[in-house]
PDB file of N, CA and C in Angstrom:
ATOM      1  N   UNK A   1       0.824  -1.235  -0.024  1.00  0.00           N
ATOM      2  CA  UNK A   1      -0.026   0.037   0.108  1.00  0.00           C
ATOM      3  C   UNK A   1       0.999   1.308   0.043  1.00  0.00           C
ATOM      4  N   UNK A   2       0.576   2.122  -0.878  1.00  0.00           N
ATOM      5  CA  UNK A   2       1.465   3.450  -0.900  1.00  0.00           C
ATOM      6  C   UNK A   2       1.062   4.337   0.234  1.00  0.00           C
ATOM      7  N   UNK A   3       1.876   5.412   0.257  1.00  0.00           N
ATOM      8  CA  UNK A   3       1.542   6.342   1.271  1.00  0.00           C
ATOM      9  C   UNK A   3       0.215   7.126   1.173  1.00  0.00           C
ATOM     10  N   UNK A   4      -0.234   7.265  -0.083  1.00  0.00           N
ATOM     11  CA  UNK A   4      -1.557   8.051  -0.237  1.00  0.00           C
ATOM     12  C   UNK A   4      -2.703   7.133   0.100  1.00  0.00           C
ATOM     13  N   UNK A   5      -2.625   5.844  -0.315  1.00  0.00           N
ATOM     14  CA  UNK A   5      -3.561   4.896   0.055  1.00  0.00           C
ATOM     15  C   UNK A   5      -3.725   4.739   1.621  1.00  0.00           C
ATOM     16  N   UNK A   6      -2.471   4.669   2.238  1.00  0.00           N
ATOM     17  CA  UNK A   6      -2.540   4.544   3.849  1.00  0.00           C
ATOM     18  C   UNK A   6      -3.204   5.685   4.357  1.00  0.00           C
ATOM     19  N   UNK A   7      -3.006   6.892   3.928  1.00  0.00           N
ATOM     20  CA  UNK A   7      -3.503   8.239   4.364  1.00  0.00           C
ATOM     21  C   UNK A   7      -5.034   8.088   4.064  1.00  0.00           C
ATOM     22  N   UNK A   8      -5.501   7.593   2.963  1.00  0.00           N
ATOM     23  CA  UNK A   8      -6.946   7.463   2.662  1.00  0.00           C
ATOM     24  C   UNK A   8      -7.517   6.507   3.707  1.00  0.00           C
ATOM     25  N   UNK A   9      -6.872   5.452   4.085  1.00  0.00           N
ATOM     26  CA  UNK A   9      -7.427   4.437   4.989  1.00  0.00           C
ATOM     27  C   UNK A   9      -7.634   5.033   6.350  1.00  0.00           C
ATOM     28  N   UNK A  10      -6.715   5.941   6.735  1.00  0.00           N
ATOM     29  CA  UNK A  10      -6.780   6.605   7.988  1.00  0.00           C
ATOM     30  C   UNK A  10      -7.930   7.614   8.029  1.00  0.00           C
ATOM     31  N   UNK A  11      -8.230   8.174   6.856  1.00  0.00           N
ATOM     32  CA  UNK A  11      -9.309   9.171   6.563  1.00  0.00           C
ATOM     33  C   UNK A  11     -10.728   8.520   6.535  1.00  0.00           C
ATOM     34  N   UNK A  12     -10.951   7.410   6.078  1.00  0.00           N
ATOM     35  CA  UNK A  12     -12.160   6.750   5.747  1.00  0.00           C
ATOM     36  C   UNK A  12     -13.152   6.748   7.000  1.00  0.00           C
ATOM     37  N   UNK A  13     -12.561   6.462   8.249  1.00  0.00           N
ATOM     38  CA  UNK A  13     -13.497   6.561   9.264  1.00  0.00           C
ATOM     39  C   UNK A  13     -14.304   8.019   9.484  1.00  0.00           C
ATOM     40  N   UNK A  14     -13.400   8.983   9.176  1.00  0.00           N
ATOM     41  CA  UNK A  14     -14.174  10.252   9.261  1.00  0.00           C
ATOM     42  C   UNK A  14     -15.177  10.611   8.200  1.00  0.00           C
ATOM     43  N   UNK A  15     -14.971  10.047   7.047  1.00  0.00           N
ATOM     44  CA  UNK A  15     -16.039  10.024   6.049  1.00  0.00           C
ATOM     45  C   UNK A  15     -17.262   9.218   6.481  1.00  0.00           C
ATOM     46  N   UNK A  16     -17.117   7.985   6.858  1.00  0.00           N
ATOM     47  CA  UNK A  16     -18.054   7.209   7.392  1.00  0.00           C
ATOM     48  C   UNK A  16     -18.812   7.659   8.526  1.00  0.00           C
ATOM     49  N   UNK A  17     -18.312   8.348   9.469  1.00  0.00           N
ATOM     50  CA  UNK A  17     -18.854   8.950  10.596  1.00  0.00           C
ATOM     51  C   UNK A  17     -19.634  10.271  10.050  1.00  0.00           C
ATOM     52  N   UNK A  18     -19.063  11.088   9.139  1.00  0.00           N
ATOM     53  CA  UNK A  18     -19.919  12.105   8.530  1.00  0.00           C
ATOM     54  C   UNK A  18     -21.097  11.537   7.817  1.00  0.00           C
ATOM     55  N   UNK A  19     -21.061  10.509   7.120  1.00  0.00           N
ATOM     56  CA  UNK A  19     -22.187   9.979   6.277  1.00  0.00           C
ATOM     57  C   UNK A  19     -23.368   9.382   7.294  1.00  0.00           C
ATOM     58  N   UNK A  20     -22.815   8.855   8.372  1.00  0.00           N
ATOM     59  CA  UNK A  20     -23.713   8.337   9.385  1.00  0.00           C
ATOM     60  C   UNK A  20     -24.644   9.591  10.066  1.00  0.00           C
ATOM     61  N   UNK A  21     -23.748  10.772  10.296  1.00  0.00           N
ATOM     62  CA  UNK A  21     -24.381  11.698  10.932  1.00  0.00           C
ATOM     63  C   UNK A  21     -25.471  12.409   9.988  1.00  0.00           C
ATOM     64  N   UNK A  22     -24.952  12.541   8.655  1.00  0.00           N
ATOM     65  CA  UNK A  22     -25.949  13.126   7.728  1.00  0.00           C
ATOM     66  C   UNK A  22     -27.246  12.414   7.635  1.00  0.00           C
ATOM     67  N   UNK A  23     -26.958  11.063   7.541  1.00  0.00           N
ATOM     68  CA  UNK A  23     -28.180  10.070   7.336  1.00  0.00           C
ATOM     69  C   UNK A  23     -29.128  10.197   8.512  1.00  0.00           C
ATOM     70  N   UNK A  24     -28.563  10.364   9.678  1.00  0.00           N
ATOM     71  CA  UNK A  24     -29.258  10.512  10.851  1.00  0.00           C
ATOM     72  C   UNK A  24     -30.188  11.803  10.954  1.00  0.00           C
ATOM     73  N   UNK A  25     -29.632  12.800  10.180  1.00  0.00           N
ATOM     74  CA  UNK A  25     -30.227  14.016  10.094  1.00  0.00           C
ATOM     75  C   UNK A  25     -31.280  14.166   8.976  1.00  0.00           C
ATOM     76  N   UNK A  26     -31.463  13.073   8.267  1.00  0.00           N
ATOM     77  CA  UNK A  26     -32.514  12.972   7.211  1.00  0.00           C
ATOM     78  C   UNK A  26     -31.948  13.491   5.718  1.00  0.00           C
ATOM     79  N   UNK A  27     -30.600  13.575   5.652  1.00  0.00           N
ATOM     80  CA  UNK A  27     -30.016  13.936   4.432  1.00  0.00           C
ATOM     81  C   UNK A  27     -29.948  12.682   3.569  1.00  0.00           C
ATOM     82  N   UNK A  28     -29.687  12.751   2.206  1.00  0.00           N
ATOM     83  CA  UNK A  28     -29.722  11.496   1.283  1.00  0.00           C
ATOM     84  C   UNK A  28     -28.440  10.631   1.390  1.00  0.00           C
ATOM     85  N   UNK A  29     -27.722  10.725   2.475  1.00  0.00           N
ATOM     86  CA  UNK A  29     -26.549   9.907   2.711  1.00  0.00           C
ATOM     87  C   UNK A  29     -26.858   8.613   3.036  1.00  0.00           C
ATOM     88  N   UNK A  30     -26.581   7.566   1.987  1.00  0.00           N
ATOM     89  CA  UNK A  30     -27.062   6.180   2.381  1.00  0.00           C
ATOM     90  C   UNK A  30     -25.727   5.281   2.365  1.00  0.00           C
ATOM     91  N   UNK A  31     -25.763   4.094   2.810  1.00  0.00           N
ATOM     92  CA  UNK A  31     -24.588   3.233   2.574  1.00  0.00           C
ATOM     93  C   UNK A  31     -24.225   2.944   1.097  1.00  0.00           C
ATOM     94  N   UNK A  32     -25.261   2.960   0.214  1.00  0.00           N
ATOM     95  CA  UNK A  32     -24.911   2.808  -1.124  1.00  0.00           C
ATOM     96  C   UNK A  32     -24.271   4.030  -1.778  1.00  0.00           C
ATOM     97  N   UNK A  33     -24.514   5.252  -1.466  1.00  0.00           N
ATOM     98  CA  UNK A  33     -23.729   6.343  -1.897  1.00  0.00           C
ATOM     99  C   UNK A  33     -22.450   6.679  -1.149  1.00  0.00           C
ATOM    100  N   UNK A  34     -22.330   6.087   0.029  1.00  0.00           N
ATOM    101  CA  UNK A  34     -21.123   6.143   0.781  1.00  0.00           C
ATOM    102  C   UNK A  34     -20.168   5.180  -0.031  1.00  0.00           C
ATOM    103  N   UNK A  35     -20.681   4.021  -0.395  1.00  0.00           N
ATOM    104  CA  UNK A  35     -19.777   2.997  -1.037  1.00  0.00           C
ATOM    105  C   UNK A  35     -19.335   3.599  -2.422  1.00  0.00           C
ATOM    106  N   UNK A  36     -20.196   4.234  -3.051  1.00  0.00           N
ATOM    107  CA  UNK A  36     -19.800   4.863  -4.448  1.00  0.00           C
ATOM    108  C   UNK A  36     -18.863   5.973  -4.264  1.00  0.00           C
ATOM    109  N   UNK A  37     -19.047   6.730  -3.155  1.00  0.00           N
ATOM    110  CA  UNK A  37     -18.117   7.820  -2.911  1.00  0.00           C
ATOM    111  C   UNK A  37     -16.720   7.300  -2.638  1.00  0.00           C
ATOM    112  N   UNK A  38     -16.720   6.259  -1.669  1.00  0.00           N
ATOM    113  CA  UNK A  38     -15.491   5.698  -1.289  1.00  0.00           C
ATOM    114  C   UNK A  38     -14.722   5.071  -2.602  1.00  0.00           C
ATOM    115  N   UNK A  39     -15.501   4.418  -3.496  1.00  0.00           N
ATOM    116  CA  UNK A  39     -14.952   3.854  -4.665  1.00  0.00           C
ATOM    117  C   UNK A  39     -14.398   4.988  -5.644  1.00  0.00           C
ATOM    118  N   UNK A  40     -15.036   5.837  -5.648  1.00  0.00           N
ATOM    119  CA  UNK A  40     -14.411   7.187  -6.489  1.00  0.00           C
ATOM    120  C   UNK A  40     -13.066   7.597  -5.876  1.00  0.00           C
ATOM    121  N   UNK A  41     -13.103   7.652  -4.592  1.00  0.00           N
ATOM    122  CA  UNK A  41     -11.721   7.977  -3.995  1.00  0.00           C
ATOM    123  C   UNK A  41     -10.650   6.849  -4.017  1.00  0.00           C
ATOM    124  N   UNK A  42     -11.109   5.723  -3.908  1.00  0.00           N
ATOM    125  CA  UNK A  42     -10.106   4.530  -4.006  1.00  0.00           C
ATOM    126  C   UNK A  42      -9.480   4.448  -5.393  1.00  0.00           C
ATOM    127  N   UNK A  43     -10.251   4.725  -6.440  1.00  0.00           N
ATOM    128  CA  UNK A  43      -9.668   4.893  -7.888  1.00  0.00           C
ATOM    129  C   UNK A  43      -8.748   5.964  -7.919  1.00  0.00           C
ATOM    130  N   UNK A  44      -8.964   7.104  -7.416  1.00  0.00           N
ATOM    131  CA  UNK A  44      -8.071   8.185  -7.321  1.00  0.00           C
ATOM    132  C   UNK A  44      -6.945   7.870  -6.481  1.00  0.00           C
ATOM    133  N   UNK A  45      -6.994   7.373  -5.371  1.00  0.00           N
ATOM    134  CA  UNK A  45      -5.833   6.960  -4.553  1.00  0.00           C
ATOM    135  C   UNK A  45      -4.933   5.956  -5.332  1.00  0.00           C
ATOM    136  N   UNK A  46      -5.490   5.051  -5.968  1.00  0.00           N
ATOM    137  CA  UNK A  46      -4.700   3.996  -6.623  1.00  0.00           C
ATOM    138  C   UNK A  46      -3.890   4.662  -7.881  1.00  0.00           C
ATOM    139  N   UNK A  47      -4.488   5.643  -8.596  1.00  0.00           N
ATOM    140  CA  UNK A  47      -4.040   6.343  -9.567  1.00  0.00           C
ATOM    141  C   UNK A  47      -2.815   7.144  -9.155  1.00  0.00           C
ATOM    142  N   UNK A  48      -2.904   7.856  -8.080  1.00  0.00           N
ATOM    143  CA  UNK A  48      -2.016   8.701  -7.464  1.00  0.00           C
ATOM    144  C   UNK A  48      -0.679   7.893  -6.976  1.00  0.00           C
ATOM    145  N   UNK A  49      -1.087   6.683  -6.460  1.00  0.00           N
ATOM    146  CA  UNK A  49      -0.101   5.876  -5.842  1.00  0.00           C
ATOM    147  C   UNK A  49       0.808   5.288  -7.058  1.00  0.00           C
ATOM    148  N   UNK A  50       0.039   5.086  -8.146  1.00  0.00           N
ATOM    149  CA  UNK A  50       0.730   4.643  -9.406  1.00  0.00           C
ATOM    150  C   UNK A  50       1.596   5.687 -10.183  1.00  0.00           C
ATOM    151  N   UNK A  51       1.459   6.900  -9.679  1.00  0.00           N
ATOM    152  CA  UNK A  51       2.263   8.048 -10.217  1.00  0.00           C
ATOM    153  C   UNK A  51       1.508   8.582 -11.470  1.00  0.00           C
ATOM    154  N   UNK A  52       0.160   8.422 -11.373  1.00  0.00           N
ATOM    155  CA  UNK A  52      -0.527   9.268 -12.623  1.00  0.00           C
ATOM    156  C   UNK A  52      -0.542  10.674 -12.310  1.00  0.00           C
ATOM    157  N   UNK A  53      -0.735  11.507 -13.264  1.00  0.00           N
ATOM    158  CA  UNK A  53      -0.670  12.921 -13.156  1.00  0.00           C
ATOM    159  C   UNK A  53      -1.759  13.480 -12.138  1.00  0.00           C
ATOM    160  N   UNK A  54      -1.375  13.961 -11.143  1.00  0.00           N
ATOM    161  CA  UNK A  54      -2.403  14.341 -10.007  1.00  0.00           C
ATOM    162  C   UNK A  54      -3.382  15.086 -10.591  1.00  0.00           C
ATOM    163  N   UNK A  55      -3.303  16.196 -11.398  1.00  0.00           N
ATOM    164  CA  UNK A  55      -4.364  17.080 -11.766  1.00  0.00           C
ATOM    165  C   UNK A  55      -5.278  16.302 -12.641  1.00  0.00           C
ATOM    166  N   UNK A  56      -4.853  15.428 -13.544  1.00  0.00           N
ATOM    167  CA  UNK A  56      -5.659  14.820 -14.399  1.00  0.00           C
ATOM    168  C   UNK A  56      -6.664  13.749 -13.534  1.00  0.00           C
ATOM    169  N   UNK A  57      -6.097  13.321 -12.414  1.00  0.00           N
ATOM    170  CA  UNK A  57      -6.843  12.436 -11.493  1.00  0.00           C
ATOM    171  C   UNK A  57      -7.842  13.293 -10.665  1.00  0.00           C
ATOM    172  N   UNK A  58      -7.469  14.383 -10.311  1.00  0.00           N
ATOM    173  CA  UNK A  58      -8.479  15.242  -9.538  1.00  0.00           C
ATOM    174  C   UNK A  58      -9.664  15.630 -10.450  1.00  0.00           C
ATOM    175  N   UNK A  59      -9.251  15.895 -11.745  1.00  0.00           N
ATOM    176  CA  UNK A  59     -10.378  16.268 -12.766  1.00  0.00           C
ATOM    177  C   UNK A  59     -11.431  14.980 -12.765  1.00  0.00           C
ATOM    178  N   UNK A  60     -10.822  13.823 -13.026  1.00  0.00           N
ATOM    179  CA  UNK A  60     -11.513  12.561 -12.974  1.00  0.00           C
ATOM    180  C   UNK A  60     -12.387  12.376 -11.730  1.00  0.00           C
ATOM    181  N   UNK A  61     -11.868  12.609 -10.652  1.00  0.00           N
ATOM    182  CA  UNK A  61     -12.540  12.543  -9.386  1.00  0.00           C
ATOM    183  C   UNK A  61     -13.641  13.465  -9.287  1.00  0.00           C
ATOM    184  N   UNK A  62     -13.368  14.696  -9.575  1.00  0.00           N
ATOM    185  CA  UNK A  62     -14.503  15.748  -9.658  1.00  0.00           C
ATOM    186  C   UNK A  62     -15.530  15.426 -10.553  1.00  0.00           C
ATOM    187  N   UNK A  63     -15.181  14.915 -11.707  1.00  0.00           N
ATOM    188  CA  UNK A  63     -16.324  14.391 -12.671  1.00  0.00           C
ATOM    189  C   UNK A  63     -17.120  13.341 -11.994  1.00  0.00           C
ATOM    190  N   UNK A  64     -16.519  12.511 -11.455  1.00  0.00           N
ATOM    191  CA  UNK A  64     -17.313  11.223 -10.732  1.00  0.00           C
ATOM    192  C   UNK A  64     -18.149  11.713  -9.603  1.00  0.00           C
ATOM    193  N   UNK A  65     -17.629  12.636  -8.852  1.00  0.00           N
ATOM    194  CA  UNK A  65     -18.460  13.261  -7.774  1.00  0.00           C
ATOM    195  C   UNK A  65     -19.649  14.088  -8.316  1.00  0.00           C
ATOM    196  N   UNK A  66     -19.374  14.834  -9.277  1.00  0.00           N
ATOM    197  CA  UNK A  66     -20.391  15.598 -10.015  1.00  0.00           C
ATOM    198  C   UNK A  66     -21.493  14.664 -10.474  1.00  0.00           C
ATOM    199  N   UNK A  67     -21.135  13.549 -11.133  1.00  0.00           N
ATOM    200  CA  UNK A  67     -22.205  12.515 -11.627  1.00  0.00           C
ATOM    201  C   UNK A  67     -23.018  12.026 -10.424  1.00  0.00           C
ATOM    202  N   UNK A  68     -22.364  11.577  -9.375  1.00  0.00           N
ATOM    203  CA  UNK A  68     -22.961  11.039  -8.216  1.00  0.00           C
ATOM    204  C   UNK A  68     -23.917  12.123  -7.651  1.00  0.00           C
ATOM    205  N   UNK A  69     -23.398  13.260  -7.546  1.00  0.00           N
ATOM    206  CA  UNK A  69     -24.146  14.377  -6.927  1.00  0.00           C
ATOM    207  C   UNK A  69     -25.452  14.638  -7.702  1.00  0.00           C
ATOM    208  N   UNK A  70     -25.425  14.526  -9.088  1.00  0.00           N
ATOM    209  CA  UNK A  70     -26.463  14.682 -10.012  1.00  0.00           C
ATOM    210  C   UNK A  70     -27.618  13.596  -9.606  1.00  0.00           C
ATOM    211  N   UNK A  71     -27.171  12.433  -9.400  1.00  0.00           N
ATOM    212  CA  UNK A  71     -28.196  11.424  -9.115  1.00  0.00           C
ATOM    213  C   UNK A  71     -28.899  11.766  -7.825  1.00  0.00           C
ATOM    214  N   UNK A  72     -28.383  12.585  -7.020  1.00  0.00           N
ATOM    215  CA  UNK A  72     -29.193  12.868  -5.762  1.00  0.00           C
ATOM    216  C   UNK A  72     -29.593  14.521  -5.868  1.00  0.00           C
ATOM    217  N   UNK A  73     -29.869  14.935  -7.090  1.00  0.00           N
ATOM    218  CA  UNK A  73     -30.445  16.345  -7.297  1.00  0.00           C
ATOM    219  C   UNK A  73     -29.519  17.282  -6.639  1.00  0.00           C
ATOM    220  N   UNK A  74     -28.228  17.251  -6.680  1.00  0.00           N
ATOM    221  CA  UNK A  74     -27.257  18.113  -6.273  1.00  0.00           C
ATOM    222  C   UNK A  74     -27.189  18.167  -4.698  1.00  0.00           C
ATOM    223  N   UNK A  75     -27.842  17.368  -3.981  1.00  0.00           N
ATOM    224  CA  UNK A  75     -27.918  17.509  -2.482  1.00  0.00           C
ATOM    225  C   UNK A  75     -26.929  16.513  -1.830  1.00  0.00           C
ATOM    226  N   UNK A  76     -26.175  15.766  -2.446  1.00  0.00           N
ATOM    227  CA  UNK A  76     -25.273  14.849  -1.627  1.00  0.00           C
ATOM    228  C   UNK A  76     -23.988  15.520  -1.311  1.00  0.00           C
ATOM    229  N   UNK A  77     -23.379  16.334  -2.160  1.00  0.00           N
ATOM    230  CA  UNK A  77     -22.205  16.958  -1.836  1.00  0.00           C
ATOM    231  C   UNK A  77     -22.420  18.482  -1.670  1.00  0.00           C
ATOM    232  N   UNK A  78     -22.421  18.939  -0.404  1.00  0.00           N
ATOM    233  CA  UNK A  78     -22.750  20.300  -0.117  1.00  0.00           C
ATOM    234  C   UNK A  78     -21.579  20.936   0.715  1.00  0.00           C
ATOM    235  N   UNK A  79     -21.691  21.891   1.394  1.00  0.00           N
ATOM    236  CA  UNK A  79     -20.580  22.603   1.986  1.00  0.00           C
ATOM    237  C   UNK A  79     -19.856  21.580   2.927  1.00  0.00           C
ATOM    238  N   UNK A  80     -20.597  20.984   3.828  1.00  0.00           N
ATOM    239  CA  UNK A  80     -19.799  20.108   4.809  1.00  0.00           C
ATOM    240  C   UNK A  80     -19.052  19.103   4.108  1.00  0.00           C
ATOM    241  N   UNK A  81     -19.454  18.465   3.029  1.00  0.00           N
ATOM    242  CA  UNK A  81     -18.756  17.505   2.248  1.00  0.00           C
ATOM    243  C   UNK A  81     -17.652  18.161   1.622  1.00  0.00           C
ATOM    244  N   UNK A  82     -17.857  19.307   0.910  1.00  0.00           N
ATOM    245  CA  UNK A  82     -16.696  19.997   0.311  1.00  0.00           C
ATOM    246  C   UNK A  82     -15.497  20.252   1.329  1.00  0.00           C
ATOM    247  N   UNK A  83     -15.982  20.729   2.695  1.00  0.00           N
ATOM    248  CA  UNK A  83     -14.823  20.979   3.574  1.00  0.00           C
ATOM    249  C   UNK A  83     -14.171  19.834   4.043  1.00  0.00           C
ATOM    250  N   UNK A  84     -14.829  18.664   4.066  1.00  0.00           N
ATOM    251  CA  UNK A  84     -14.265  17.398   4.617  1.00  0.00           C
ATOM    252  C   UNK A  84     -13.303  16.826   3.354  1.00  0.00           C
ATOM    253  N   UNK A  85     -13.966  16.708   2.117  1.00  0.00           N
ATOM    254  CA  UNK A  85     -13.329  15.980   1.216  1.00  0.00           C
ATOM    255  C   UNK A  85     -12.203  16.713   0.483  1.00  0.00           C
ATOM    256  N   UNK A  86     -12.510  17.980   0.120  1.00  0.00           N
ATOM    257  CA  UNK A  86     -11.618  18.695  -0.573  1.00  0.00           C
ATOM    258  C   UNK A  86     -10.316  18.978   0.145  1.00  0.00           C
ATOM    259  N   UNK A  87     -10.410  19.259   1.418  1.00  0.00           N
ATOM    260  CA  UNK A  87      -9.273  19.124   2.344  1.00  0.00           C
ATOM    261  C   UNK A  87      -8.360  17.972   2.224  1.00  0.00           C
ATOM    262  N   UNK A  88      -9.064  16.750   2.148  1.00  0.00           N
ATOM    263  CA  UNK A  88      -8.250  15.653   1.980  1.00  0.00           C
ATOM    264  C   UNK A  88      -7.531  15.627   0.616  1.00  0.00           C
ATOM    265  N   UNK A  89      -8.278  15.974  -0.449  1.00  0.00           N
ATOM    266  CA  UNK A  89      -7.851  15.943  -1.877  1.00  0.00           C
ATOM    267  C   UNK A  89      -6.628  16.821  -1.939  1.00  0.00           C
ATOM    268  N   UNK A  90      -6.712  17.940  -1.369  1.00  0.00           N
ATOM    269  CA  UNK A  90      -5.439  18.859  -1.451  1.00  0.00           C
ATOM    270  C   UNK A  90      -4.358  18.232  -0.653  1.00  0.00           C
ATOM    271  N   UNK A  91      -4.496  17.446   0.439  1.00  0.00           N
ATOM    272  CA  UNK A  91      -3.486  16.830   0.984  1.00  0.00           C
ATOM    273  C   UNK A  91      -2.797  15.626   0.287  1.00  0.00           C
ATOM    274  N   UNK A  92      -3.641  14.868  -0.482  1.00  0.00           N
ATOM    275  CA  UNK A  92      -3.303  13.842  -1.421  1.00  0.00           C
ATOM    276  C   UNK A  92      -2.608  14.548  -2.502  1.00  0.00           C
ATOM    277  N   UNK A  93      -2.953  15.408  -3.043  1.00  0.00           N
ATOM    278  CA  UNK A  93      -2.191  16.256  -4.232  1.00  0.00           C
ATOM    279  C   UNK A  93      -0.861  16.644  -3.764  1.00  0.00           C
ATOM    280  N   UNK A  94      -0.662  17.108  -2.532  1.00  0.00           N
ATOM    281  CA  UNK A  94       0.500  17.450  -1.850  1.00  0.00           C
ATOM    282  C   UNK A  94       1.388  16.269  -1.836  1.00  0.00           C
ATOM    283  N   UNK A  95       0.907  15.139  -1.347  1.00  0.00           N
ATOM    284  CA  UNK A  95       1.631  13.889  -1.227  1.00  0.00           C
ATOM    285  C   UNK A  95       2.040  13.423  -2.589  1.00  0.00           C
ATOM    286  N   UNK A  96       1.237  13.844  -3.610  1.00  0.00           N
ATOM    287  CA  UNK A  96       1.733  13.271  -5.115  1.00  0.00           C
ATOM    288  C   UNK A  96       2.650  14.385  -5.720  1.00  0.00           C
ATOM    289  N   UNK A  97       2.937  15.429  -4.976  1.00  0.00           N
ATOM    290  CA  UNK A  97       4.001  16.323  -5.494  1.00  0.00           C
ATOM    291  C   UNK A  97       3.548  17.704  -5.785  1.00  0.00           C
ATOM    292  N   UNK A  98       2.243  17.898  -5.852  1.00  0.00           N
ATOM    293  CA  UNK A  98       1.689  19.214  -6.230  1.00  0.00           C
ATOM    294  C   UNK A  98       1.653  20.215  -4.911  1.00  0.00           C
ATOM    295  N   UNK A  99       2.261  21.379  -5.408  1.00  0.00           N
ATOM    296  CA  UNK A  99       2.169  22.472  -4.332  1.00  0.00           C
ATOM    297  C   UNK A  99       0.910  23.222  -4.463  1.00  0.00           C
ATOM    298  N   UNK A 100      -0.067  23.238  -3.503  1.00  0.00           N
ATOM    299  CA  UNK A 100      -1.313  23.885  -3.567  1.00  0.00           C
ATOM    300  C   UNK A 100      -1.051  25.338  -3.912  1.00  0.00           C
ATOM    301  N   UNK A 101      -0.002  26.041  -3.481  1.00  0.00           N
ATOM    302  CA  UNK A 101       0.115  27.459  -3.556  1.00  0.00           C
ATOM    303  C   UNK A 101       0.306  27.663  -5.179  1.00  0.00           C
ATOM    304  N   UNK A 102       0.776  26.876  -5.911  1.00  0.00           N
ATOM    305  CA  UNK A 102       0.803  27.161  -7.305  1.00  0.00           C
ATOM    306  C   UNK A 102      -0.574  27.123  -8.028  1.00  0.00           C
ATOM    307  N   UNK A 103      -1.623  26.822  -7.144  1.00  0.00           N
ATOM    308  CA  UNK A 103      -3.042  26.486  -7.779  1.00  0.00           C
ATOM    309  C   UNK A 103      -3.958  27.282  -6.810  1.00  0.00           C
ATOM    310  N   UNK A 104      -3.657  28.461  -6.462  1.00  0.00           N
ATOM    311  CA  UNK A 104      -4.378  29.159  -5.636  1.00  0.00           C
ATOM    312  C   UNK A 104      -4.984  28.449  -4.391  1.00  0.00           C
ATOM    313  N   UNK A 105      -4.197  27.520  -3.720  1.00  0.00           N
ATOM    314  CA  UNK A 105      -4.529  26.776  -2.628  1.00  0.00           C
ATOM    315  C   UNK A 105      -5.384  25.682  -2.846  1.00  0.00           C
ATOM    316  N   UNK A 106      -5.910  25.495  -3.935  1.00  0.00           N
ATOM    317  CA  UNK A 106      -6.703  24.219  -4.214  1.00  0.00           C
ATOM    318  C   UNK A 106      -6.602  23.650  -5.726  1.00  0.00           C
ATOM    319  N   UNK A 107      -5.436  22.803  -5.849  1.00  0.00           N
ATOM    320  CA  UNK A 107      -5.281  22.117  -7.201  1.00  0.00           C
ATOM    321  C   UNK A 107      -6.631  21.450  -7.799  1.00  0.00           C
ATOM    322  N   UNK A 108      -7.083  21.827  -8.905  1.00  0.00           N
ATOM    323  CA  UNK A 108      -8.102  21.280  -9.600  1.00  0.00           C
ATOM    324  C   UNK A 108      -9.532  21.975  -9.353  1.00  0.00           C
ATOM    325  N   UNK A 109      -9.372  23.265  -8.553  1.00  0.00           N
ATOM    326  CA  UNK A 109     -10.705  23.839  -8.196  1.00  0.00           C
ATOM    327  C   UNK A 109     -11.495  24.152  -9.487  1.00  0.00           C
ATOM    328  N   UNK A 110     -10.824  24.435 -10.559  1.00  0.00           N
ATOM    329  CA  UNK A 110     -11.618  24.870 -11.741  1.00  0.00           C
ATOM    330  C   UNK A 110     -12.515  23.669 -12.255  1.00  0.00           C
ATOM    331  N   UNK A 111     -12.353  22.506 -11.668  1.00  0.00           N
ATOM    332  CA  UNK A 111     -13.211  21.342 -12.098  1.00  0.00           C
ATOM    333  C   UNK A 111     -14.198  21.078 -11.068  1.00  0.00           C
ATOM    334  N   UNK A 112     -14.269  21.664  -9.920  1.00  0.00           N
ATOM    335  CA  UNK A 112     -15.145  21.329  -8.917  1.00  0.00           C
ATOM    336  C   UNK A 112     -16.374  22.101  -8.932  1.00  0.00           C
ATOM    337  N   UNK A 113     -17.515  21.355  -8.830  1.00  0.00           N
ATOM    338  CA  UNK A 113     -18.757  22.023  -8.924  1.00  0.00           C
ATOM    339  C   UNK A 113     -19.624  21.996  -7.714  1.00  0.00           C
ATOM    340  N   UNK A 114     -19.113  21.352  -6.725  1.00  0.00           N
ATOM    341  CA  UNK A 114     -19.900  21.117  -5.377  1.00  0.00           C
ATOM    342  C   UNK A 114     -19.296  22.077  -4.437  1.00  0.00           C
TER     343      UNK A 114
END
């Protein structure tokens, strides 16, 4: 397991906890879309650990998140999810060699719609 994959595994409990909290509050966060979200991130992580170009992988990840969000009428990924997930994406990009300062603090922000 690469460093980014190990970091993701340490982060997953926070994502699961967030999803559970949202579901309990009546939001559209289910086990199924948690699984789909994690699958998107696991694909991203494997690509980064395989030394794929980080910005390309961020673009692909955001496209997947956008598609999943559309399936839930734009209500699955809101401010709280953005604050949780984008923070981790930036950390993963740093681990892959991207300097966030070179991208106004958020590599790939031009592709993020949530």
